[in-house]
Protein backbone atom coordinates (compact mmCIF):
# COMPACT_ATOMS: atom_id res chain seq x y z
CA UNK A 1 0.00 0.00 0.00
CA UNK A 2 1.21 3.50 -0.62
CA UNK A 3 0.32 7.14 -0.77
CA UNK A 4 1.26 9.38 -3.67
CA UNK A 5 -0.25 12.67 -2.56
CA UNK A 6 -1.86 14.55 0.32
CA UNK A 7 -5.48 13.70 -0.52
CA UNK A 8 -7.35 10.88 1.17
CA UNK A 9 -7.85 9.00 -2.09
CA UNK A 10 -4.19 9.45 -2.98
CA UNK A 11 -3.70 6.38 -0.82
CA UNK A 12 -3.98 2.78 -2.03
CA UNK A 13 -5.81 1.66 1.10
CA UNK A 14 -8.44 4.40 0.78
CA UNK A 15 -9.00 3.55 -2.89
CA UNK A 16 -9.28 -0.15 -2.12
CA UNK A 17 -11.82 0.44 0.68
CA UNK A 18 -13.88 2.73 -1.57
CA UNK A 19 -13.78 0.31 -4.51
CA UNK A 20 -14.65 -2.77 -2.47
CA UNK A 21 -17.58 -1.07 -0.72
CA UNK A 22 -18.94 0.25 -4.04
CA UNK A 23 -18.61 -3.16 -5.71
CA UNK A 24 -20.46 -4.88 -2.87
CA UNK A 25 -23.30 -2.35 -3.07
CA UNK A 26 -23.43 -2.71 -6.87
CA UNK A 27 -23.60 -6.50 -6.44
CA UNK A 28 -26.70 -6.11 -4.25
CA UNK A 29 -25.28 -6.24 -0.73
CA UNK A 30 -27.15 -4.24 1.89
CA UNK A 31 -25.38 -1.31 3.52
CA UNK A 32 -24.83 -3.32 6.68
CA UNK A 33 -23.52 -6.37 4.82
CA UNK A 34 -21.16 -4.31 2.65
CA UNK A 35 -19.83 -2.48 5.71
CA UNK A 36 -19.33 -5.72 7.65
CA UNK A 37 -17.51 -7.40 4.76
CA UNK A 38 -15.22 -4.41 4.19
CA UNK A 39 -14.38 -4.25 7.90
CA UNK A 40 -13.57 -7.99 7.84
CA UNK A 41 -11.45 -7.62 4.70
CA UNK A 42 -9.35 -4.87 6.25
CA UNK A 43 -9.10 -6.17 9.82
CA UNK A 44 -5.28 -6.01 9.69
CA UNK A 45 -5.39 -2.36 8.61
CA UNK A 46 -7.76 -1.62 11.49
CA UNK A 47 -5.13 -2.95 13.90
CA UNK A 48 -2.52 -0.56 12.48
CA UNK A 49 -2.65 2.93 14.05
CA UNK A 50 -1.27 4.43 10.84
CA UNK A 51 -3.82 2.78 8.56
CA UNK A 52 -6.99 2.69 10.68
CA UNK A 53 -7.68 6.44 10.26
CA UNK A 54 -7.36 6.10 6.49
CA UNK A 55 -9.78 3.16 6.51
CA UNK A 56 -12.48 4.92 8.57
CA UNK A 57 -12.23 8.21 6.68
CA UNK A 58 -12.37 6.44 3.30
CA UNK A 59 -15.36 4.36 4.35
CA UNK A 60 -17.17 7.42 5.75
CA UNK A 61 -16.59 9.49 2.62
CA UNK A 62 -17.64 6.61 0.38
CA UNK A 63 -20.79 5.86 2.35
CA UNK A 64 -21.65 9.56 2.50
CA UNK A 65 -21.25 10.05 -1.24
CA UNK A 66 -23.59 7.12 -1.81
CA UNK A 67 -26.13 8.50 0.67
CA UNK A 68 -25.56 5.55 3.03
CA UNK A 69 -23.47 7.03 5.86
CA UNK A 70 -23.79 4.89 8.98
CA UNK A 71 -23.83 6.79 12.31
CA UNK A 72 -21.06 4.62 13.80
CA UNK A 73 -18.79 5.13 10.78
CA UNK A 74 -19.57 8.88 10.82
CA UNK A 75 -18.70 9.14 14.51
CA UNK A 76 -15.43 7.25 14.05
CA UNK A 77 -14.43 9.54 11.19
CA UNK A 78 -15.35 12.67 13.15
CA UNK A 79 -13.35 11.36 16.10
CA UNK A 80 -10.31 10.93 13.87
CA UNK A 81 -10.71 14.48 12.58
CA UNK A 82 -11.27 15.92 16.06
CA UNK A 83 -8.21 14.18 17.48
CA UNK A 84 -6.12 15.14 14.48
CA UNK A 85 -5.13 11.52 13.86
CA UNK A 86 -2.95 11.21 10.84
CA UNK A 87 -1.84 8.27 8.81
CA UNK A 88 -0.50 7.87 5.29
CA UNK A 89 -2.66 9.93 2.98
CA UNK A 90 -4.58 11.59 5.83
CA UNK A 91 -2.46 14.52 6.86
CA UNK A 92 1.02 15.60 7.79
CA UNK A 93 3.40 12.66 7.71
CA UNK A 94 5.71 13.65 10.55
CA UNK A 95 5.72 11.47 13.65
CA UNK A 96 3.51 12.91 16.36
CA UNK A 97 2.09 15.61 14.11
CA UNK A 98 -1.53 16.65 14.11
CA UNK A 99 -3.76 17.74 11.29
CA UNK A 100 -3.88 21.54 11.22
CA UNK A 101 -7.24 23.25 11.25
CA UNK A 102 -9.31 20.10 11.67
CA UNK A 103 -10.81 20.63 15.10
CA UNK A 104 -14.54 21.02 15.56
CA UNK A 105 -15.72 23.14 18.47
CA UNK A 106 -19.04 22.78 20.25
CA UNK A 107 -21.89 23.79 17.99
CA UNK A 108 -19.72 23.64 14.88
CA UNK A 109 -19.45 19.87 15.27
CA UNK A 110 -23.17 19.71 15.93
CA UNK A 111 -23.81 21.70 12.76
CA UNK A 112 -21.65 19.26 10.76
CA UNK A 113 -23.54 16.21 12.00
CA UNK A 114 -27.06 17.62 12.00
CA UNK A 115 -29.44 16.62 9.23
CA UNK A 116 -29.69 19.07 6.39
CA UNK A 117 -26.24 20.57 6.87
C-alpha cells in the first residue's frame, strides 16, 4: 500500500476500501452487509494505528457520497478528525504531528452532523 499525494484517495488503502464497498453495493449487498464485509477484509489495517484512520475516513466518505453514511462510521471519522489523527494519505506525515485546522468546536461539530447541513 502506498500514498502518492496529500489527498485521502491518494492512498492505495483508501481507494481499495472505496472500490470494495462500491462493488459490494453494486452486487446487491445491503449497507450493513457491505460495511461488515469491508471491515472484515481490512481487519489487519484496522489494527494498524497508521492505517486505521485512512480506513475509517475512506469508508465514511464513500458511504456519504452514496447516501448511506452509517452513524457509527460517521462518529469514528469525526473522532479521527477531532483528534487530528494522521496516517498515510490523511495529513502531515511527521511522527507525532496533528492535522492543522481540523478541530470542531461545540456547535460547529453539531452543525456538521445535524441533518440538512
